[in-house]
Amino acid sequence: MPHFSFKRGLYLALVMTTVSVALDAQAASTLRCGSQLVSTGDRTFEVQQKCGEPVSQQVVSSREVVNYYRQSEEVIVEEWVYGPSHGMYQYLRFVGGRLTEINSKRGN
């Protein structure tokens, strides 16, 4: 009987870890702004409509990408900061006008 309890405990720990990783991955790809939700892939104007003006907005670099037609073009990389909200800052990275990354960090 103790062997069964160990297996069951191990199984539950594995399931909880898998769920936790899945939720973390989802949290990194979406951000709630009031009753609105923004997701990676959204355009800058969509994020601004849903979340309002960021407290900071700056161009951090540019990047050369190859487009659908196999032509090389330079795109702007921007970082927008929202917050603090409940002590957290949200850092949004846009590449070529599309949201690519969402990170959260507790403010000091």
N, C-alpha and C. Protein backbone atom coordinates (compact mmCIF):
# COMPACT_ATOMS: atom_id res chain seq x y z
N MET A 1 0.80 -1.20 0.00
CA MET A 1 0.00 0.00 0.00
C MET A 1 0.85 1.26 0.00
N PRO A 2 1.94 1.38 0.80
CA PRO A 2 2.75 2.59 0.77
C PRO A 2 3.33 2.86 -0.61
N HIS A 3 3.65 1.80 -1.37
CA HIS A 3 4.19 1.97 -2.72
C HIS A 3 3.17 2.69 -3.62
N PHE A 4 1.90 2.33 -3.49
CA PHE A 4 0.84 2.99 -4.26
C PHE A 4 0.76 4.46 -3.92
N SER A 5 0.85 4.82 -2.66
CA SER A 5 0.78 6.22 -2.23
C SER A 5 1.93 7.01 -2.82
N PHE A 6 3.12 6.44 -2.85
CA PHE A 6 4.26 7.12 -3.43
C PHE A 6 4.05 7.37 -4.92
N LYS A 7 3.57 6.35 -5.64
CA LYS A 7 3.31 6.50 -7.07
C LYS A 7 2.25 7.57 -7.31
N ARG A 8 1.21 7.53 -6.51
CA ARG A 8 0.13 8.51 -6.67
C ARG A 8 0.64 9.93 -6.40
N GLY A 9 1.45 10.08 -5.35
CA GLY A 9 2.03 11.38 -5.02
C GLY A 9 2.94 11.87 -6.13
N LEU A 10 3.73 10.97 -6.68
CA LEU A 10 4.63 11.32 -7.80
C LEU A 10 3.82 11.74 -9.02
N TYR A 11 2.76 11.00 -9.30
CA TYR A 11 1.89 11.34 -10.43
C TYR A 11 1.25 12.71 -10.24
N LEU A 12 0.73 12.98 -9.04
CA LEU A 12 0.11 14.28 -8.77
C LEU A 12 1.13 15.41 -8.89
N ALA A 13 2.34 15.20 -8.41
CA ALA A 13 3.39 16.22 -8.52
C ALA A 13 3.71 16.49 -9.99
N LEU A 14 3.78 15.44 -10.79
CA LEU A 14 4.05 15.60 -12.22
C LEU A 14 2.93 16.38 -12.92
N VAL A 15 1.69 16.05 -12.60
CA VAL A 15 0.55 16.74 -13.19
C VAL A 15 0.56 18.21 -12.79
N MET A 16 0.81 18.49 -11.51
CA MET A 16 0.82 19.88 -11.03
C MET A 16 1.94 20.67 -11.69
N THR A 17 3.10 20.07 -11.87
CA THR A 17 4.22 20.74 -12.53
C THR A 17 3.88 21.05 -13.98
N THR A 18 3.28 20.10 -14.67
CA THR A 18 2.90 20.30 -16.06
C THR A 18 1.88 21.42 -16.19
N VAL A 19 0.89 21.45 -15.33
CA VAL A 19 -0.12 22.50 -15.35
C VAL A 19 0.52 23.86 -15.05
N SER A 20 1.41 23.89 -14.08
CA SER A 20 2.09 25.13 -13.71
C SER A 20 2.90 25.68 -14.87
N VAL A 21 3.64 24.82 -15.56
CA VAL A 21 4.44 25.25 -16.72
C VAL A 21 3.52 25.77 -17.82
N ALA A 22 2.42 25.09 -18.06
CA ALA A 22 1.48 25.53 -19.10
C ALA A 22 0.88 26.89 -18.75
N LEU A 23 0.53 27.10 -17.50
CA LEU A 23 -0.03 28.39 -17.10
C LEU A 23 1.01 29.50 -17.20
N ASP A 24 2.27 29.22 -16.83
CA ASP A 24 3.33 30.21 -16.97
C ASP A 24 3.53 30.58 -18.42
N ALA A 25 3.50 29.61 -19.31
CA ALA A 25 3.68 29.90 -20.73
C ALA A 25 2.54 30.76 -21.25
N GLN A 26 1.33 30.51 -20.80
CA GLN A 26 0.20 31.30 -21.24
C GLN A 26 0.28 32.71 -20.67
N ALA A 27 0.68 32.83 -19.42
CA ALA A 27 0.78 34.14 -18.79
C ALA A 27 1.80 35.00 -19.52
N ALA A 28 2.83 34.39 -20.07
CA ALA A 28 3.86 35.14 -20.77
C ALA A 28 3.40 35.58 -22.16
N SER A 29 2.32 35.02 -22.67
CA SER A 29 1.87 35.38 -24.01
C SER A 29 0.60 36.23 -24.01
N THR A 30 0.04 36.50 -22.82
CA THR A 30 -1.15 37.35 -22.72
C THR A 30 -1.01 38.32 -21.56
N LEU A 31 -1.77 39.41 -21.64
CA LEU A 31 -1.79 40.41 -20.59
C LEU A 31 -3.19 40.96 -20.50
N ARG A 32 -3.71 41.04 -19.27
CA ARG A 32 -5.04 41.60 -19.06
C ARG A 32 -4.90 43.09 -18.78
N CYS A 33 -5.65 43.89 -19.54
CA CYS A 33 -5.73 45.34 -19.34
C CYS A 33 -7.18 45.67 -19.03
N GLY A 34 -7.51 45.79 -17.75
CA GLY A 34 -8.90 45.98 -17.35
C GLY A 34 -9.70 44.76 -17.75
N SER A 35 -10.71 44.95 -18.59
CA SER A 35 -11.52 43.81 -19.05
C SER A 35 -11.04 43.30 -20.42
N GLN A 36 -9.99 43.91 -20.96
CA GLN A 36 -9.46 43.53 -22.27
C GLN A 36 -8.27 42.58 -22.10
N LEU A 37 -7.98 41.83 -23.15
CA LEU A 37 -6.85 40.92 -23.15
C LEU A 37 -6.00 41.18 -24.39
N VAL A 38 -4.69 41.36 -24.20
CA VAL A 38 -3.79 41.48 -25.34
C VAL A 38 -2.92 40.23 -25.39
N SER A 39 -2.52 39.86 -26.60
CA SER A 39 -1.74 38.64 -26.80
C SER A 39 -0.59 38.90 -27.74
N THR A 40 0.43 38.04 -27.65
CA THR A 40 1.52 38.16 -28.60
C THR A 40 0.94 38.03 -30.00
N GLY A 41 1.47 38.84 -30.91
CA GLY A 41 0.95 38.90 -32.27
C GLY A 41 0.07 40.11 -32.50
N ASP A 42 -0.45 40.72 -31.42
CA ASP A 42 -1.27 41.92 -31.56
C ASP A 42 -0.43 43.08 -32.07
N ARG A 43 -1.08 44.01 -32.77
CA ARG A 43 -0.41 45.20 -33.29
C ARG A 43 -0.34 46.28 -32.22
N THR A 44 0.58 47.22 -32.40
CA THR A 44 0.77 48.29 -31.41
C THR A 44 -0.52 49.06 -31.16
N PHE A 45 -1.26 49.40 -32.22
CA PHE A 45 -2.48 50.19 -32.04
C PHE A 45 -3.54 49.41 -31.26
N GLU A 46 -3.58 48.08 -31.43
CA GLU A 46 -4.53 47.26 -30.68
C GLU A 46 -4.20 47.27 -29.19
N VAL A 47 -2.91 47.15 -28.88
CA VAL A 47 -2.48 47.17 -27.49
C VAL A 47 -2.78 48.53 -26.87
N GLN A 48 -2.50 49.60 -27.60
CA GLN A 48 -2.74 50.94 -27.07
C GLN A 48 -4.24 51.19 -26.87
N GLN A 49 -5.07 50.68 -27.75
CA GLN A 49 -6.53 50.82 -27.58
C GLN A 49 -7.00 50.11 -26.32
N LYS A 50 -6.45 48.93 -26.04
CA LYS A 50 -6.90 48.13 -24.92
C LYS A 50 -6.26 48.54 -23.59
N CYS A 51 -4.99 48.95 -23.63
CA CYS A 51 -4.25 49.22 -22.39
C CYS A 51 -3.99 50.70 -22.13
N GLY A 52 -4.23 51.55 -23.13
CA GLY A 52 -3.95 52.97 -22.96
C GLY A 52 -2.49 53.30 -23.22
N GLU A 53 -2.11 54.52 -22.84
CA GLU A 53 -0.74 54.98 -23.03
C GLU A 53 0.20 54.28 -22.04
N PRO A 54 1.34 53.79 -22.51
CA PRO A 54 2.31 53.20 -21.58
C PRO A 54 3.00 54.30 -20.77
N VAL A 55 3.56 53.94 -19.60
CA VAL A 55 4.30 54.92 -18.81
C VAL A 55 5.66 55.21 -19.44
N SER A 56 6.14 54.29 -20.26
CA SER A 56 7.39 54.47 -20.98
C SER A 56 7.27 53.76 -22.32
N GLN A 57 7.82 54.39 -23.34
CA GLN A 57 7.77 53.81 -24.69
C GLN A 57 9.04 54.24 -25.39
N GLN A 58 9.89 53.28 -25.77
CA GLN A 58 11.13 53.65 -26.44
C GLN A 58 11.56 52.63 -27.48
N VAL A 59 12.23 53.14 -28.50
CA VAL A 59 12.83 52.29 -29.51
C VAL A 59 14.14 51.79 -28.92
N VAL A 60 14.32 50.47 -28.86
CA VAL A 60 15.53 49.91 -28.26
C VAL A 60 16.55 49.45 -29.30
N SER A 61 16.08 49.15 -30.51
CA SER A 61 16.98 48.74 -31.58
C SER A 61 16.20 48.58 -32.88
N SER A 62 16.90 48.12 -33.87
CA SER A 62 16.24 47.72 -35.11
C SER A 62 16.79 46.36 -35.49
N ARG A 63 16.07 45.67 -36.33
CA ARG A 63 16.45 44.32 -36.70
C ARG A 63 16.16 44.11 -38.17
N GLU A 64 17.02 43.39 -38.83
CA GLU A 64 16.79 43.07 -40.24
C GLU A 64 16.06 41.73 -40.31
N VAL A 65 14.96 41.71 -41.04
CA VAL A 65 14.19 40.48 -41.19
C VAL A 65 13.93 40.23 -42.67
N VAL A 66 13.61 39.00 -42.98
CA VAL A 66 13.25 38.64 -44.34
C VAL A 66 11.74 38.46 -44.37
N ASN A 67 11.07 39.20 -45.23
CA ASN A 67 9.61 39.16 -45.27
C ASN A 67 9.09 37.98 -46.08
N TYR A 68 7.79 37.92 -46.24
CA TYR A 68 7.10 36.84 -46.96
C TYR A 68 7.62 36.67 -48.39
N TYR A 69 8.01 37.78 -49.01
CA TYR A 69 8.48 37.77 -50.40
C TYR A 69 9.99 37.56 -50.50
N ARG A 70 10.61 37.17 -49.40
CA ARG A 70 12.05 36.92 -49.30
C ARG A 70 12.87 38.18 -49.56
N GLN A 71 12.29 39.32 -49.21
CA GLN A 71 13.01 40.58 -49.30
C GLN A 71 13.46 40.97 -47.89
N SER A 72 14.65 41.51 -47.81
CA SER A 72 15.18 41.94 -46.53
C SER A 72 14.67 43.34 -46.20
N GLU A 73 14.24 43.53 -44.95
CA GLU A 73 13.79 44.85 -44.52
C GLU A 73 14.18 45.06 -43.07
N GLU A 74 14.34 46.32 -42.70
CA GLU A 74 14.69 46.66 -41.33
C GLU A 74 13.42 47.03 -40.58
N VAL A 75 13.26 46.45 -39.38
CA VAL A 75 12.09 46.75 -38.55
C VAL A 75 12.54 47.31 -37.21
N ILE A 76 11.68 48.09 -36.60
CA ILE A 76 11.96 48.72 -35.32
C ILE A 76 11.59 47.77 -34.18
N VAL A 77 12.43 47.75 -33.14
CA VAL A 77 12.15 46.99 -31.92
C VAL A 77 11.87 48.02 -30.82
N GLU A 78 10.66 47.94 -30.24
CA GLU A 78 10.24 48.88 -29.20
C GLU A 78 9.97 48.15 -27.89
N GLU A 79 10.13 48.88 -26.80
CA GLU A 79 9.73 48.35 -25.50
C GLU A 79 8.78 49.35 -24.85
N TRP A 80 7.61 48.84 -24.44
CA TRP A 80 6.62 49.64 -23.74
C TRP A 80 6.53 49.11 -22.32
N VAL A 81 6.33 50.03 -21.37
CA VAL A 81 6.20 49.65 -19.97
C VAL A 81 4.86 50.15 -19.45
N TYR A 82 4.12 49.26 -18.78
CA TYR A 82 2.87 49.61 -18.11
C TYR A 82 3.02 49.33 -16.62
N GLY A 83 2.36 50.13 -15.81
CA GLY A 83 2.36 49.88 -14.37
C GLY A 83 2.77 51.11 -13.60
N PRO A 84 2.95 50.97 -12.34
CA PRO A 84 2.77 49.72 -11.59
C PRO A 84 1.30 49.42 -11.36
N SER A 85 0.97 48.16 -11.39
CA SER A 85 -0.36 47.69 -11.08
C SER A 85 -0.20 46.58 -10.04
N HIS A 86 -0.67 46.83 -8.83
CA HIS A 86 -0.48 45.90 -7.71
C HIS A 86 1.00 45.58 -7.51
N GLY A 87 1.84 46.60 -7.71
CA GLY A 87 3.28 46.45 -7.51
C GLY A 87 4.03 45.83 -8.66
N MET A 88 3.34 45.53 -9.77
CA MET A 88 3.99 44.88 -10.90
C MET A 88 4.09 45.82 -12.10
N TYR A 89 5.21 45.72 -12.80
CA TYR A 89 5.39 46.40 -14.08
C TYR A 89 5.31 45.36 -15.18
N GLN A 90 4.70 45.75 -16.29
CA GLN A 90 4.59 44.88 -17.46
C GLN A 90 5.47 45.46 -18.56
N TYR A 91 6.37 44.64 -19.10
CA TYR A 91 7.28 45.06 -20.17
C TYR A 91 6.85 44.36 -21.45
N LEU A 92 6.48 45.15 -22.45
CA LEU A 92 6.01 44.61 -23.72
C LEU A 92 7.03 44.94 -24.80
N ARG A 93 7.42 43.95 -25.58
CA ARG A 93 8.37 44.14 -26.68
C ARG A 93 7.64 43.95 -28.01
N PHE A 94 7.85 44.92 -28.89
CA PHE A 94 7.25 44.89 -30.22
C PHE A 94 8.37 44.82 -31.26
N VAL A 95 8.21 43.96 -32.24
CA VAL A 95 9.15 43.88 -33.36
C VAL A 95 8.34 44.09 -34.62
N GLY A 96 8.67 45.16 -35.34
CA GLY A 96 7.94 45.46 -36.57
C GLY A 96 6.47 45.74 -36.32
N GLY A 97 6.16 46.33 -35.16
CA GLY A 97 4.78 46.71 -34.86
C GLY A 97 3.91 45.59 -34.33
N ARG A 98 4.50 44.43 -34.04
CA ARG A 98 3.76 43.28 -33.48
C ARG A 98 4.30 42.93 -32.11
N LEU A 99 3.40 42.64 -31.18
CA LEU A 99 3.78 42.25 -29.83
C LEU A 99 4.43 40.87 -29.87
N THR A 100 5.67 40.79 -29.39
CA THR A 100 6.39 39.51 -29.43
C THR A 100 6.68 38.94 -28.06
N GLU A 101 6.68 39.80 -27.01
CA GLU A 101 7.06 39.34 -25.69
C GLU A 101 6.35 40.14 -24.61
N ILE A 102 5.95 39.46 -23.54
CA ILE A 102 5.35 40.11 -22.37
C ILE A 102 6.06 39.58 -21.14
N ASN A 103 6.65 40.48 -20.37
CA ASN A 103 7.34 40.10 -19.14
C ASN A 103 6.84 40.95 -17.99
N SER A 104 6.78 40.36 -16.81
CA SER A 104 6.35 41.08 -15.61
C SER A 104 7.49 41.11 -14.61
N LYS A 105 7.55 42.22 -13.88
CA LYS A 105 8.59 42.35 -12.86
C LYS A 105 8.02 43.20 -11.72
N ARG A 106 8.26 42.76 -10.51
CA ARG A 106 7.80 43.51 -9.34
C ARG A 106 8.66 44.76 -9.19
N GLY A 107 7.99 45.90 -8.98
CA GLY A 107 8.70 47.17 -8.79
C GLY A 107 9.32 47.25 -7.42
N ASN A 108 10.29 48.14 -7.27
CA ASN A 108 10.99 48.29 -5.98
C ASN A 108 10.24 49.19 -5.06
